Amino acid sequence: MSGKNLLQRMTIVNAALSNRAVLARDLAQWLEDREASSGASRTIARAALERRHGIPRGVFWSARHRVRESLGRWLDHLIEARVQAVRSEVHELETTLAAARALGRSDLESEIAAAEADLAHARERLYAPSHPDLAGVRTVAGDYHEGDLSKAMNKPELVADVVTTWRQQGENRPTFVFAVDRAHAKRLQTEFEGAGISCGYIDAYTKPDERETLFRRFTAGEVRVIASVGCLTTGVDLDVRCIVLARPTQSEMLFVQIIGRGLRMPEPHPIFGPKSDCKILDHSD
């Protein structure tokens, strides 16, 4: 599937994601009503619903650690609840819509369409400035072998091309750069800094206070670029207006997660103003 088609699907998923609070509220009310009903009614209701759609007792869209923690106290009182954390990826959209319909929320699709119209303002602009040679790069577990990929991508001319292209096309936008591994990300950071562009670096070993400081400086416009490997693919909701794909991937999920960082619609930024689109500088293929 092409990157453009995936981006179009991501727009729909993000629209549905914006409605997760509404869906969660209705699910909570539904569970509360069921707990108040008689034992026989609960059994019949559970059997009927699960037989129709295989819907678990609780569904939370994009449930991650912080969501689980915030809902933990509520879940403690629902001993019978079986909770399935439905991640905000394209493959789970139909399942979640089926759950909403089963709970009488057939209007959710119209709500998604309305939210999609809002998100449409964040148009993607895709640039593919280079085509690395991936001959000889092995595939392991459905994606490129990291060691082989690092050798293919962590070359002086390719690293320099990332920075050159950003200076030509990036418009000095707040940017996330996704690299193959830590060595590649650090080399990209060094190349950006050497060109006079403020660039931060983050990995799994970055301390929480250092991470918060970097994000605060990024939001303030003091740091324009952050290079990383996988730490920025999930759980980060910053005003990002340019994505640099410096790592090829065969994983649709990883691609969607990376591009999705730039498809969020923030409030108007005091420095950069309203967000109208996201530029994607694709060095991966």
Protein backbone atom coordinates (compact mmCIF):
# COMPACT_ATOMS: atom_id res chain seq x y z
CA MET A 1 0.00 0.00 0.00
CA SER A 2 1.34 3.43 -0.91
CA GLY A 3 2.29 6.01 1.70
CA LYS A 4 -0.40 8.34 0.37
CA ASN A 5 -3.17 5.78 0.87
CA LEU A 6 -1.91 5.04 4.37
CA LEU A 7 -1.97 8.74 5.18
CA GLN A 8 -5.56 8.98 3.99
CA ARG A 9 -6.50 6.06 6.22
CA MET A 10 -4.64 7.64 9.13
CA THR A 11 -6.83 10.74 8.77
CA ILE A 12 -9.90 8.56 9.31
CA VAL A 13 -8.32 6.77 12.28
CA ASN A 14 -7.32 10.02 13.95
CA ALA A 15 -10.85 11.29 13.42
CA ALA A 16 -12.21 8.22 15.17
CA LEU A 17 -9.61 8.67 17.88
CA SER A 18 -10.92 12.17 18.57
CA ASN A 19 -14.27 10.57 19.44
CA ARG A 20 -12.85 8.05 21.90
CA ALA A 21 -14.07 10.05 24.90
CA VAL A 22 -17.65 9.89 23.63
CA LEU A 23 -17.40 6.17 22.96
CA ALA A 24 -15.76 5.50 26.33
CA ARG A 25 -18.53 7.43 28.12
CA ASP A 26 -21.24 5.37 26.43
CA LEU A 27 -19.40 2.14 27.15
CA ALA A 28 -19.09 3.10 30.81
CA GLN A 29 -22.81 3.88 31.03
CA TRP A 30 -23.64 0.62 29.31
CA LEU A 31 -21.54 -1.36 31.80
CA GLU A 32 -23.08 0.54 34.73
CA ASP A 33 -26.60 -0.25 33.50
CA ARG A 34 -25.70 -3.90 33.11
CA GLU A 35 -24.31 -4.09 36.65
CA ALA A 36 -27.60 -2.69 37.96
CA SER A 37 -29.70 -5.25 36.14
CA SER A 38 -30.68 -8.67 37.47
CA GLY A 39 -28.29 -11.59 37.33
CA ALA A 40 -30.34 -13.35 34.65
CA SER A 41 -30.54 -10.21 32.53
CA ARG A 42 -26.80 -9.68 32.83
CA THR A 43 -26.12 -13.19 31.63
CA ILE A 44 -28.49 -12.87 28.66
CA ALA A 45 -27.17 -9.43 27.71
CA ARG A 46 -23.56 -10.57 27.87
CA ALA A 47 -24.21 -13.71 25.87
CA ALA A 48 -26.22 -11.88 23.21
CA LEU A 49 -23.68 -9.13 22.70
CA GLU A 50 -20.60 -11.34 22.68
CA ARG A 51 -22.28 -13.83 20.36
CA ARG A 52 -23.13 -11.08 17.86
CA HIS A 53 -19.83 -9.26 17.70
CA GLY A 54 -17.36 -10.90 20.06
CA ILE A 55 -17.21 -7.61 21.93
CA PRO A 56 -15.26 -7.67 25.22
CA ARG A 57 -16.79 -6.29 28.41
CA GLY A 58 -14.81 -3.04 28.09
CA VAL A 59 -13.21 -1.44 25.06
CA PHE A 60 -10.78 1.47 25.34
CA TRP A 61 -9.41 3.04 22.20
CA SER A 62 -5.65 3.77 22.22
CA ALA A 63 -5.34 2.39 25.76
CA ARG A 64 -1.77 2.69 26.94
CA HIS A 65 -0.12 2.91 30.34
CA ARG A 66 -1.48 6.32 31.33
CA VAL A 67 -5.00 5.44 30.20
CA ARG A 68 -4.93 2.16 32.10
CA GLU A 69 -3.71 3.96 35.23
CA SER A 70 -6.42 6.63 35.03
CA LEU A 71 -9.13 4.01 34.58
CA GLY A 72 -7.67 1.54 37.05
CA ARG A 73 -9.78 2.71 40.00
CA TRP A 74 -12.96 2.41 37.95
CA LEU A 75 -12.01 -1.03 36.70
CA ASP A 76 -11.40 -2.25 40.26
CA HIS A 77 -15.17 -2.08 40.78
CA LEU A 78 -15.91 -4.08 37.65
CA ILE A 79 -14.70 -7.50 38.75
CA GLU A 80 -16.33 -9.22 35.80
CA ALA A 81 -14.94 -6.83 33.21
CA ARG A 82 -12.72 -8.22 30.50
CA VAL A 83 -10.82 -5.30 29.03
CA GLN A 84 -9.32 -5.26 25.59
CA ALA A 85 -6.98 -2.39 24.81
CA VAL A 86 -7.80 -1.55 21.22
CA ARG A 87 -4.87 0.40 19.82
CA SER A 88 -5.42 3.37 17.56
CA GLU A 89 -4.28 1.70 14.36
CA VAL A 90 -6.13 1.28 11.10
CA HIS A 91 -6.67 -2.45 11.60
CA GLU A 92 -8.82 -1.93 14.71
CA LEU A 93 -11.14 0.72 13.28
CA GLU A 94 -13.78 -1.72 12.02
CA THR A 95 -13.79 -3.63 15.32
CA THR A 96 -14.35 -0.45 17.30
CA LEU A 97 -17.12 0.71 15.00
CA ALA A 98 -18.77 -2.70 15.38
CA ALA A 99 -18.60 -2.26 19.15
CA ALA A 100 -20.19 1.17 18.87
CA ARG A 101 -23.01 -0.16 16.70
CA ALA A 102 -23.62 -2.99 19.14
CA LEU A 103 -24.10 -0.38 21.84
CA GLY A 104 -26.55 1.60 19.75
CA ARG A 105 -23.99 4.16 18.59
CA SER A 106 -24.65 3.94 14.85
CA ASP A 107 -24.27 7.71 14.71
CA LEU A 108 -20.57 7.40 15.46
CA GLU A 109 -19.78 7.14 11.76
CA SER A 110 -21.30 10.57 11.12
CA GLU A 111 -19.31 11.94 14.04
CA ILE A 112 -16.16 10.47 12.54
CA ALA A 113 -16.97 12.12 9.22
CA ALA A 114 -17.38 15.47 10.97
CA ALA A 115 -14.09 15.07 12.81
CA GLU A 116 -12.42 13.97 9.59
CA ALA A 117 -13.46 17.26 8.01
CA ASP A 118 -11.62 19.10 10.78
CA LEU A 119 -8.54 16.94 10.38
CA ALA A 120 -8.54 17.43 6.63
CA HIS A 121 -6.99 20.83 7.23
CA ALA A 122 -3.80 19.05 8.28
CA ARG A 123 -2.97 17.97 4.75
CA GLU A 124 0.14 15.92 4.15
CA ARG A 125 2.82 17.00 1.70
CA LEU A 126 5.11 14.15 0.75
CA TYR A 127 8.61 14.57 -0.66
CA ALA A 128 10.89 11.66 -1.58
CA PRO A 129 14.31 13.21 -2.17
CA SER A 130 16.46 10.08 -2.17
CA HIS A 131 16.30 6.36 -2.84
CA PRO A 132 18.79 4.37 -0.74
CA ASP A 133 20.23 1.11 -2.02
CA LEU A 134 18.66 -1.66 0.08
CA ALA A 135 20.15 -4.50 -1.94
CA GLY A 136 21.40 -7.15 0.46
CA VAL A 137 19.34 -5.90 3.40
CA ARG A 138 17.69 -8.94 4.93
CA THR A 139 14.12 -9.18 6.19
CA VAL A 140 13.53 -10.54 9.70
CA ALA A 141 10.09 -10.95 11.30
CA GLY A 142 8.43 -8.86 8.63
CA ASP A 143 10.79 -5.88 8.67
CA TYR A 144 14.30 -4.99 7.63
CA HIS A 145 17.20 -6.40 9.64
CA GLU A 146 18.33 -3.50 11.83
CA GLY A 147 22.06 -4.14 11.46
CA ASP A 148 21.87 -4.42 7.68
CA LEU A 149 19.63 -1.38 7.49
CA SER A 150 21.95 0.70 9.64
CA LYS A 151 24.87 -0.05 7.33
CA ALA A 152 22.77 0.93 4.33
CA MET A 153 21.43 4.18 5.81
CA ASN A 154 24.21 5.44 8.11
CA LYS A 155 26.41 6.65 5.28
CA PRO A 156 27.89 10.17 5.05
CA GLU A 157 26.15 11.06 1.79
CA LEU A 158 22.73 9.88 2.99
CA VAL A 159 23.03 11.56 6.39
CA ALA A 160 24.12 14.81 4.74
CA ASP A 161 21.24 14.53 2.26
CA VAL A 162 18.75 14.43 5.15
CA VAL A 163 20.01 17.77 6.45
CA THR A 164 20.34 19.35 3.01
CA THR A 165 16.80 18.35 2.08
CA TRP A 166 15.43 19.66 5.37
CA ARG A 167 17.11 23.03 4.79
CA GLN A 168 15.59 23.17 1.30
CA GLN A 169 12.13 21.78 2.06
CA GLY A 170 11.63 21.76 5.82
CA GLU A 171 10.81 25.48 6.09
CA ASN A 172 12.37 25.53 9.56
CA ARG A 173 9.35 23.64 10.89
CA PRO A 174 9.23 21.74 14.21
CA THR A 175 10.49 18.35 13.07
CA PHE A 176 10.82 14.74 14.21
CA VAL A 177 13.54 12.67 12.53
CA PHE A 178 13.18 8.89 12.70
CA ALA A 179 16.43 6.93 12.38
CA VAL A 180 17.39 3.25 12.12
CA ASP A 181 19.24 2.91 15.43
CA ARG A 182 20.83 5.04 18.15
CA ALA A 183 24.13 5.48 16.30
CA HIS A 184 22.26 6.64 13.20
CA ALA A 185 20.09 9.05 15.21
CA LYS A 186 23.13 10.55 16.97
CA ARG A 187 24.92 10.98 13.65
CA LEU A 188 21.90 12.78 12.24
CA GLN A 189 21.82 15.03 15.31
CA THR A 190 25.51 15.86 14.84
CA GLU A 191 24.94 16.65 11.16
CA PHE A 192 22.03 18.99 11.96
CA GLU A 193 23.97 20.73 14.73
CA GLY A 194 26.98 21.09 12.42
CA ALA A 195 24.74 22.92 9.96
CA GLY A 196 23.68 25.37 12.66
CA ILE A 197 20.26 23.77 13.24
CA SER A 198 19.27 23.15 16.87
CA CYS A 199 18.66 19.41 17.14
CA GLY A 200 17.88 17.33 20.20
CA TYR A 201 18.25 13.60 20.68
CA ILE A 202 16.15 11.16 22.65
CA ASP A 203 16.27 7.42 23.24
CA ALA A 204 15.04 4.87 25.76
CA TYR A 205 17.85 5.83 28.16
CA THR A 206 17.03 9.54 28.24
CA LYS A 207 16.06 10.52 31.78
CA PRO A 208 12.48 11.75 32.35
CA ASP A 209 13.58 15.23 33.44
CA GLU A 210 15.88 15.55 30.40
CA ARG A 211 13.03 14.43 28.16
CA GLU A 212 10.66 17.00 29.66
CA THR A 213 13.25 19.74 29.23
CA LEU A 214 13.79 18.79 25.59
CA PHE A 215 10.06 18.74 24.88
CA ARG A 216 9.64 22.12 26.58
CA ARG A 217 12.44 23.63 24.48
CA PHE A 218 10.97 22.04 21.35
CA THR A 219 7.56 23.55 22.10
CA ALA A 220 9.18 26.94 22.73
CA GLY A 221 10.97 26.80 19.37
CA GLU A 222 14.43 26.71 20.96
CA VAL A 223 15.04 23.23 19.53
CA ARG A 224 13.76 22.83 16.00
CA VAL A 225 14.51 19.14 15.36
CA ILE A 226 14.49 15.99 17.51
CA ALA A 227 16.22 12.83 16.27
CA SER A 228 15.19 9.46 17.67
CA VAL A 229 14.57 5.82 16.80
CA GLY A 230 11.35 4.60 18.40
CA CYS A 231 10.71 6.79 21.44
CA LEU A 232 8.65 9.30 19.49
CA THR A 233 6.39 6.85 17.67
CA THR A 234 3.80 6.64 20.48
CA GLY A 235 2.71 8.54 23.55
CA VAL A 236 3.94 11.93 22.29
CA ASP A 237 1.51 14.72 21.43
CA LEU A 238 3.60 17.70 20.37
CA ASP A 239 3.09 20.27 17.63
CA VAL A 240 5.08 18.54 14.85
CA ARG A 241 4.87 19.98 11.33
CA CYS A 242 7.55 18.01 9.52
CA ILE A 243 8.40 14.31 9.64
CA VAL A 244 11.72 13.01 8.31
CA LEU A 245 11.67 9.31 7.47
CA ALA A 246 15.35 8.38 7.54
CA ARG A 247 14.59 4.71 8.06
CA PRO A 248 12.93 2.36 5.58
CA THR A 249 10.35 -0.03 7.01
CA GLN A 250 8.14 -2.83 5.74
CA SER A 251 5.88 -2.49 8.77
CA GLU A 252 2.59 -0.74 8.02
CA MET A 253 2.00 -0.27 11.74
CA LEU A 254 5.35 1.46 12.28
CA PHE A 255 4.84 3.63 9.21
CA VAL A 256 1.40 4.71 10.43
CA GLN A 257 2.75 5.46 13.92
CA ILE A 258 5.58 7.59 12.55
CA ILE A 259 3.47 9.58 10.09
CA GLY A 260 0.70 9.92 12.67
CA ARG A 261 2.98 12.12 14.81
CA GLY A 262 2.55 14.86 12.26
CA LEU A 263 -1.19 14.52 11.68
CA ARG A 264 -2.36 15.86 15.04
CA MET A 265 -4.17 19.20 15.00
CA PRO A 266 -2.87 21.41 17.83
CA GLU A 267 -4.00 24.81 18.95
CA PRO A 268 -2.39 27.73 17.06
CA HIS A 269 1.25 28.02 18.10
CA PRO A 270 2.47 31.40 19.44
CA ILE A 271 5.48 31.23 17.11
CA PHE A 272 4.39 29.11 14.16
CA GLY A 273 0.72 30.06 14.09
CA PRO A 274 -2.12 27.71 13.04
CA LYS A 275 -1.15 24.34 11.60
CA SER A 276 -2.30 23.83 8.01
CA ASP A 277 -0.34 20.78 6.89
CA CYS A 278 2.52 18.41 7.64
CA LYS A 279 5.53 17.94 5.39
CA ILE A 280 6.96 14.45 5.09
CA LEU A 281 10.53 14.16 3.83
CA ASP A 282 10.85 10.52 2.85
CA HIS A 283 14.42 9.25 2.58
CA SER A 284 13.37 5.65 3.13
CA ASP A 285 12.58 4.40 -0.36
